[in-house]
Amino acid sequence: MQTILDAVLVGQVAPLGAHGKRSAIHKTPVRERVRVGETGIEGDEQCERKHHGGPEKALHHYSFDHYATWREEWIVGASGLERFQTPGAFGENLSTRGIDENDVCVGDVFRIGTAIVQVSQARQPCWKLNLRFSRDDMSRRVQETRRTGWYYRVLEPGEIGAGDAVERLARPHPEWTVARLLRVLYVDRNDRASLEQMATLDTLTASWRNTAAKRLASGEVESWSSRLDTPANG
């Protein structure tokens, strides 16, 4: 599989929302080629590093094809529609067309420019999307539609830029699309056979494997409220 990188995007930490929460979710395209290291693109910032960024979330990839669907579904007259005109609305670093969560698998290895990256996990949306789009249910909408995008870890640093090919080099787990991963996490939440596989999926981020293991042990699904619901002072 090969597609073309339409845009590379970076952002800096800035106030977000009425109470000035700090976030770097606003990303804008860069024209020049940029260096990608173990924790992401040089010049790209993340706030609250406990939840954002790091080696397992070095790059966020989002399909621009989803934007048309978001525009079609948006409430007439609601603010935020203008966000769907250009890449960057969802805080993504990489924007392409022609591939989405159904086409990419956990563990897929890609060459982009001179960098080599590997799919590590799907994105788990958080309440900062609510502030970004001025809509209290946006994080839940992203989760429910499972139009989340996915993250890469960087196997080999390099330089990337718009126009580069996104070339798949390896697919160790063809049965584990990002779409399937999201379905197990959010829809078929007690599918024990899938959870058992997920818990031992070697290329999946450890925290996700732990989530599967905890569900198997407890028979309960973890709460998502603190991640999805905007705090009172948000």
Protein backbone atom coordinates (compact mmCIF):
# COMPACT_ATOMS: atom_id res chain seq x y z
CA MET A 1 0.00 0.00 0.00
CA GLN A 2 1.21 3.48 -0.83
CA THR A 3 -0.43 6.86 -0.53
CA ILE A 4 0.81 10.46 -0.56
CA LEU A 5 1.31 12.67 2.46
CA ASP A 6 -0.81 15.75 1.79
CA ALA A 7 0.30 17.79 4.80
CA VAL A 8 2.65 17.76 7.78
CA LEU A 9 1.34 19.79 10.71
CA VAL A 10 2.79 21.18 13.93
CA GLY A 11 1.50 23.33 16.76
CA GLN A 12 2.52 25.15 19.92
CA VAL A 13 0.94 25.18 23.35
CA ALA A 14 -1.61 28.00 23.63
CA PRO A 15 -4.80 28.84 25.57
CA LEU A 16 -7.89 26.87 24.54
CA GLY A 17 -11.50 27.54 25.51
CA ALA A 18 -13.13 30.16 27.69
CA HIS A 19 -10.99 29.35 30.73
CA GLY A 20 -7.71 29.30 28.83
CA LYS A 21 -6.85 25.63 29.21
CA ARG A 22 -3.42 24.93 27.74
CA SER A 23 -3.24 22.78 24.64
CA ALA A 24 -1.31 22.33 21.39
CA ILE A 25 -4.27 20.77 19.58
CA HIS A 26 -4.27 23.56 16.99
CA LYS A 27 -1.92 22.31 14.26
CA THR A 28 -1.02 24.09 11.03
CA PRO A 29 0.77 22.82 7.91
CA VAL A 30 4.47 23.46 7.40
CA ARG A 31 5.98 23.94 3.96
CA GLU A 32 9.52 22.84 4.68
CA ARG A 33 10.73 19.34 5.38
CA VAL A 34 10.92 18.59 9.10
CA ARG A 35 12.92 16.24 11.29
CA VAL A 36 11.11 13.40 13.04
CA GLY A 37 12.68 11.92 16.16
CA GLU A 38 11.66 9.42 18.81
CA THR A 39 9.06 11.74 20.36
CA GLY A 40 7.77 13.40 17.21
CA ILE A 41 8.36 16.33 14.90
CA GLU A 42 10.90 18.97 15.85
CA GLY A 43 9.01 22.15 16.71
CA ASP A 44 5.75 20.37 17.53
CA GLU A 45 4.64 20.78 21.14
CA GLN A 46 2.36 18.83 23.47
CA CYS A 47 0.79 19.86 26.75
CA GLU A 48 0.18 17.48 29.67
CA ARG A 49 2.75 14.97 28.51
CA LYS A 50 1.22 12.32 30.73
CA HIS A 51 -1.62 12.05 28.20
CA HIS A 52 -0.17 13.50 24.99
CA GLY A 53 2.98 12.85 23.03
CA GLY A 54 5.84 10.56 23.97
CA PRO A 55 7.40 7.67 22.05
CA GLU A 56 4.14 5.72 21.66
CA LYS A 57 2.29 8.81 20.40
CA ALA A 58 5.05 10.43 18.40
CA LEU A 59 2.86 11.19 15.36
CA HIS A 60 -0.90 11.38 14.95
CA HIS A 61 -2.26 10.46 11.50
CA TYR A 62 -5.81 11.42 10.49
CA SER A 63 -7.65 10.80 7.25
CA PHE A 64 -8.77 13.98 5.52
CA ASP A 65 -11.54 11.88 3.95
CA HIS A 66 -13.34 12.05 7.31
CA TYR A 67 -13.67 15.83 7.04
CA ALA A 68 -16.40 15.63 4.38
CA THR A 69 -18.40 13.30 6.62
CA TRP A 70 -18.01 15.64 9.58
CA ARG A 71 -19.28 18.54 7.45
CA GLU A 72 -22.32 16.53 6.36
CA GLU A 73 -23.17 15.56 9.95
CA TRP A 74 -22.61 18.96 11.54
CA ILE A 75 -25.57 20.74 13.08
CA VAL A 76 -26.80 23.50 10.78
CA GLY A 77 -25.84 26.85 12.23
CA ALA A 78 -23.53 25.40 14.87
CA SER A 79 -20.13 26.98 15.29
CA GLY A 80 -17.03 25.04 14.36
CA LEU A 81 -17.98 24.05 10.82
CA GLU A 82 -15.15 26.18 9.43
CA ARG A 83 -12.68 23.84 11.13
CA PHE A 84 -13.39 21.17 8.52
CA GLN A 85 -12.02 23.07 5.55
CA THR A 86 -8.30 22.37 6.02
CA PRO A 87 -6.27 19.69 7.85
CA GLY A 88 -5.38 20.19 11.51
CA ALA A 89 -8.80 20.31 13.16
CA PHE A 90 -8.16 17.16 15.16
CA GLY A 91 -4.60 17.95 16.19
CA GLU A 92 -3.13 15.60 13.60
CA ASN A 93 0.49 15.72 12.45
CA LEU A 94 -0.05 13.81 9.21
CA SER A 95 -2.90 14.21 6.75
CA THR A 96 -3.65 11.92 3.82
CA ARG A 97 -6.56 10.81 1.67
CA GLY A 98 -7.42 7.32 0.52
CA ILE A 99 -6.71 5.41 3.74
CA ASP A 100 -8.45 5.30 7.08
CA GLU A 101 -8.85 3.11 10.16
CA ASN A 102 -10.13 0.23 8.03
CA ASP A 103 -6.96 0.16 5.92
CA VAL A 104 -4.28 0.38 8.61
CA CYS A 105 -3.36 -2.34 11.10
CA VAL A 106 -1.68 -2.31 14.49
CA GLY A 107 2.01 -2.92 13.90
CA ASP A 108 2.03 -1.76 10.27
CA VAL A 109 5.45 -0.34 9.40
CA PHE A 110 5.64 2.59 6.98
CA ARG A 111 8.40 4.55 5.33
CA ILE A 112 7.54 8.24 5.13
CA GLY A 113 10.30 10.31 3.61
CA THR A 114 13.46 9.00 5.26
CA ALA A 115 11.70 8.07 8.53
CA ILE A 116 10.34 4.61 9.37
CA VAL A 117 7.35 4.49 11.69
CA GLN A 118 5.03 1.85 13.14
CA VAL A 119 1.35 2.00 14.09
CA SER A 120 1.23 1.76 17.89
CA GLN A 121 -2.40 2.44 18.85
CA ALA A 122 -5.57 4.30 17.94
CA ARG A 123 -6.30 7.71 19.36
CA GLN A 124 -8.46 7.93 22.45
CA PRO A 125 -10.26 11.28 22.15
CA CYS A 126 -10.30 13.62 25.12
CA TRP A 127 -12.42 16.56 26.25
CA LYS A 128 -10.12 19.14 24.65
CA LEU A 129 -11.88 18.30 21.40
CA ASN A 130 -15.04 19.70 23.03
CA LEU A 131 -13.28 23.02 23.52
CA ARG A 132 -11.70 22.92 20.10
CA PHE A 133 -15.09 22.59 18.39
CA SER A 134 -17.22 24.47 20.96
CA ARG A 135 -19.39 21.38 21.31
CA ASP A 136 -19.75 19.47 24.58
CA ASP A 137 -20.20 16.09 22.93
CA MET A 138 -17.41 16.25 20.34
CA SER A 139 -15.05 13.88 22.13
CA ARG A 140 -17.84 11.35 22.47
CA ARG A 141 -18.81 11.81 18.82
CA VAL A 142 -15.26 11.03 17.74
CA GLN A 143 -15.24 7.95 19.95
CA GLU A 144 -18.69 6.74 18.87
CA THR A 145 -17.99 7.18 15.15
CA ARG A 146 -14.54 5.67 15.64
CA ARG A 147 -13.07 8.28 13.32
CA THR A 148 -10.13 8.73 15.65
CA GLY A 149 -6.99 8.39 13.58
CA TRP A 150 -3.97 6.48 14.85
CA TYR A 151 -0.53 7.01 16.35
CA TYR A 152 2.95 5.98 15.28
CA ARG A 153 6.11 5.18 17.18
CA VAL A 154 9.31 6.10 15.34
CA LEU A 155 11.55 3.15 14.50
CA GLU A 156 14.08 5.18 12.51
CA PRO A 157 14.29 8.99 12.69
CA GLY A 158 14.36 10.93 9.47
CA GLU A 159 12.90 13.86 7.54
CA ILE A 160 9.38 14.11 6.14
CA GLY A 161 7.44 16.61 4.08
CA ALA A 162 4.23 17.08 2.13
CA GLY A 163 4.32 15.09 -1.09
CA ASP A 164 6.24 12.17 0.41
CA ALA A 165 5.01 8.66 -0.25
CA VAL A 166 3.57 6.73 2.70
CA GLU A 167 4.80 3.26 1.83
CA ARG A 168 3.92 0.20 3.85
CA LEU A 169 6.94 -2.04 4.50
CA ALA A 170 5.50 -4.68 6.82
CA ARG A 171 2.19 -5.92 8.24
CA PRO A 172 2.72 -8.33 11.14
CA HIS A 173 -0.94 -8.36 12.27
CA PRO A 174 -3.23 -8.18 9.21
CA GLU A 175 -6.21 -9.33 11.29
CA TRP A 176 -5.93 -6.31 13.63
CA THR A 177 -7.04 -3.21 11.76
CA VAL A 178 -7.31 -0.01 13.76
CA ALA A 179 -11.06 -0.22 13.09
CA ARG A 180 -11.21 -3.64 14.77
CA LEU A 181 -9.17 -2.38 17.72
CA LEU A 182 -11.60 0.49 18.22
CA ARG A 183 -14.59 -1.82 17.92
CA VAL A 184 -13.25 -4.10 20.66
CA LEU A 185 -12.49 -1.12 22.88
CA TYR A 186 -15.79 0.75 22.44
CA VAL A 187 -18.45 -1.58 20.97
CA ASP A 188 -17.80 -5.28 21.57
CA ARG A 189 -16.39 -4.44 24.96
CA ASN A 190 -16.66 -7.91 26.47
CA ASP A 191 -15.49 -9.96 23.49
CA ARG A 192 -13.18 -12.13 25.54
CA ALA A 193 -11.56 -13.89 22.59
CA SER A 194 -10.57 -10.57 21.04
CA LEU A 195 -9.51 -9.14 24.40
CA GLU A 196 -7.24 -12.14 24.95
CA GLN A 197 -5.59 -11.51 21.58
CA MET A 198 -5.38 -7.79 22.25
CA ALA A 199 -3.69 -8.38 25.61
CA THR A 200 -0.81 -10.21 23.91
CA LEU A 201 -0.55 -8.12 20.72
CA ASP A 202 3.18 -7.39 20.82
CA THR A 203 3.14 -4.24 18.63
CA LEU A 204 0.25 -2.64 20.53
CA THR A 205 1.13 0.00 23.11
CA ALA A 206 1.53 -1.56 26.58
CA SER A 207 -1.20 0.57 28.16
CA TRP A 208 -3.73 -0.77 25.65
CA ARG A 209 -2.66 -4.35 26.31
CA ASN A 210 -3.08 -3.65 30.02
CA THR A 211 -6.60 -2.33 29.44
CA ALA A 212 -7.53 -5.61 27.75
CA ALA A 213 -5.95 -7.63 30.55
CA LYS A 214 -7.82 -5.66 33.23
CA ARG A 215 -11.15 -6.18 31.49
CA LEU A 216 -10.50 -9.91 31.30
CA ALA A 217 -9.61 -10.04 34.98
CA SER A 218 -12.45 -7.88 36.30
CA GLY A 219 -15.20 -8.42 33.74
CA GLU A 220 -15.78 -4.66 33.87
CA VAL A 221 -15.26 -1.85 31.39
CA GLU A 222 -13.20 1.10 32.55
CA SER A 223 -14.87 4.52 32.98
CA TRP A 224 -14.28 7.05 30.21
CA SER A 225 -15.91 10.07 31.88
CA SER A 226 -12.77 11.87 33.03
CA ARG A 227 -11.33 11.63 29.54
CA LEU A 228 -14.43 12.60 27.57
CA ASP A 229 -16.33 15.07 29.75
CA THR A 230 -15.16 18.68 29.93
CA PRO A 231 -14.23 19.69 33.51
CA ALA A 232 -16.43 22.29 35.18
CA ASN A 233 -13.70 24.91 34.77
CA GLY A 234 -13.00 23.91 31.18
